[in-house]
Amino acid sequence: MPTIIDITVTVSLDDNQVPQFAYNPPGSVTVIENSQINYKLDDQTNKGLSFAGAAFATPFDRIIDAVEVTPTLLTLTDTDAVIGTTGFRLLFNIAGSTLQLCSHDPQVINKDEK
């Protein structure tokens, strides 16, 4: 059974309509065993955001094994089989638009249990 790690990503807009991202808990996720990392969307933009996926700069490093997406939940499966760090961006659909929004770069760090 994998360990469950829940993270709320809150998206809001500043006075200039620039998206702001806050993660709770903040910071990188460190994994030392088979885990599911659940990003839960808290959309405070009033723009109808929903998860579209996750984009990886290094998708072949095998640190993240799979991604599952629903409109309000994005789950990363990490079996912790590969030690290392990977970065990615969360992608969001915008209701009534063909444009998408991407987050700043969260990280997952796989470490040996030792």
Protein backbone atom coordinates (compact mmCIF):
# COMPACT_ATOMS: atom_id res chain seq x y z
CA MET A 1 0.00 0.00 0.00
CA PRO A 2 1.55 3.34 -0.98
CA THR A 3 2.01 6.24 1.41
CA ILE A 4 -0.42 9.09 0.62
CA ILE A 5 0.96 12.63 0.50
CA ASP A 6 -1.71 15.35 0.17
CA ILE A 7 -0.83 18.83 -1.08
CA THR A 8 -3.29 21.64 -1.69
CA VAL A 9 -2.35 23.98 -4.52
CA THR A 10 -4.18 27.29 -4.22
CA VAL A 11 -4.30 29.47 -7.32
CA SER A 12 -5.30 33.10 -6.94
CA LEU A 13 -4.81 36.33 -8.90
CA ASP A 14 -2.92 39.41 -7.76
CA ASP A 15 -4.10 42.97 -8.49
CA ASN A 16 -2.62 42.76 -12.01
CA GLN A 17 -4.43 39.46 -12.76
CA VAL A 18 -1.14 37.52 -12.53
CA PRO A 19 -1.67 33.99 -11.19
CA GLN A 20 -0.17 33.24 -7.78
CA PHE A 21 0.48 29.69 -6.60
CA ALA A 22 0.65 28.53 -2.97
CA TYR A 23 1.32 24.96 -1.86
CA ASN A 24 0.23 23.60 1.50
CA PRO A 25 2.40 22.15 2.83
CA PRO A 26 5.03 24.30 1.09
CA GLY A 27 8.33 23.14 -0.38
CA SER A 28 9.58 20.11 -2.23
CA VAL A 29 8.16 16.65 -1.60
CA THR A 30 10.70 14.11 -0.33
CA VAL A 31 9.84 10.46 -0.94
CA ILE A 32 11.52 7.53 0.82
CA GLU A 33 9.00 4.80 -0.06
CA ASN A 34 6.28 3.91 -2.55
CA SER A 35 3.99 6.98 -2.52
CA GLN A 36 1.05 8.69 -4.14
CA ILE A 37 1.35 12.47 -4.20
CA ASN A 38 -2.08 14.08 -4.47
CA TYR A 39 -2.32 17.70 -5.60
CA LYS A 40 -5.76 19.06 -4.70
CA LEU A 41 -6.89 22.21 -6.53
CA ASP A 42 -8.21 25.21 -4.61
CA ASP A 43 -9.17 27.64 -7.41
CA GLN A 44 -9.63 31.15 -6.04
CA THR A 45 -9.34 32.86 -9.45
CA ASN A 46 -13.03 32.67 -10.44
CA LYS A 47 -11.73 31.61 -13.87
CA GLY A 48 -12.91 27.99 -13.72
CA LEU A 49 -9.52 26.29 -13.49
CA SER A 50 -9.19 22.51 -13.63
CA PHE A 51 -6.18 20.22 -13.80
CA ALA A 52 -5.04 19.33 -17.32
CA GLY A 53 -1.89 17.37 -16.38
CA ALA A 54 1.75 17.74 -15.44
CA ALA A 55 4.66 18.59 -17.76
CA PHE A 56 8.12 17.28 -16.94
CA ALA A 57 11.46 18.72 -18.12
CA THR A 58 12.98 15.24 -17.74
CA PRO A 59 10.11 12.78 -18.29
CA PHE A 60 12.43 9.83 -18.90
CA ASP A 61 14.25 9.96 -15.54
CA ARG A 62 11.69 7.47 -14.07
CA ILE A 63 11.41 9.38 -10.78
CA ILE A 64 7.65 9.78 -11.30
CA ASP A 65 6.06 6.58 -12.60
CA ALA A 66 2.58 7.77 -13.58
CA VAL A 67 0.16 10.70 -13.51
CA GLU A 68 -3.62 10.51 -13.08
CA VAL A 69 -5.78 13.57 -13.62
CA THR A 70 -9.31 14.61 -12.69
CA PRO A 71 -10.56 18.23 -12.78
CA THR A 72 -9.73 18.85 -9.09
CA LEU A 73 -7.11 16.18 -8.29
CA LEU A 74 -3.76 15.32 -9.87
CA THR A 75 -2.02 12.22 -8.54
CA LEU A 76 1.64 11.40 -9.10
CA THR A 77 2.64 7.78 -8.53
CA ASP A 78 6.20 7.44 -7.25
CA THR A 79 7.42 3.93 -6.44
CA ASP A 80 10.73 5.42 -5.21
CA ALA A 81 12.59 2.93 -7.44
CA VAL A 82 14.94 5.64 -8.77
CA ILE A 83 16.91 8.01 -6.51
CA GLY A 84 17.05 11.64 -7.68
CA THR A 85 15.13 14.89 -8.12
CA THR A 86 12.65 15.86 -10.80
CA GLY A 87 10.83 19.10 -11.48
CA PHE A 88 7.57 19.64 -13.29
CA ARG A 89 4.82 22.14 -13.87
CA LEU A 90 1.17 21.61 -13.12
CA LEU A 91 -1.01 22.41 -16.13
CA PHE A 92 -4.49 23.90 -15.81
CA ASN A 93 -7.39 24.27 -18.20
CA ILE A 94 -9.25 27.58 -18.10
CA ALA A 95 -13.03 27.40 -18.54
CA GLY A 96 -14.18 28.96 -21.80
CA SER A 97 -10.63 29.33 -23.15
CA THR A 98 -8.28 27.32 -25.33
CA LEU A 99 -5.32 28.72 -23.36
CA GLN A 100 -3.74 26.80 -20.49
CA LEU A 101 -1.98 27.97 -17.33
CA CYS A 102 1.17 26.37 -15.92
CA SER A 103 2.47 26.59 -12.36
CA HIS A 104 5.93 27.39 -11.15
CA ASP A 105 8.19 24.39 -10.61
CA PRO A 106 7.38 22.01 -7.72
CA GLN A 107 9.91 19.22 -7.09
CA VAL A 108 9.87 15.61 -5.98
CA ILE A 109 13.01 14.25 -4.37
CA ASN A 110 13.49 10.50 -4.10
CA LYS A 111 15.90 9.44 -1.36
CA ASP A 112 17.18 6.15 -0.10
CA GLU A 113 15.69 5.23 3.29
CA LYS A 114 19.15 5.09 4.86
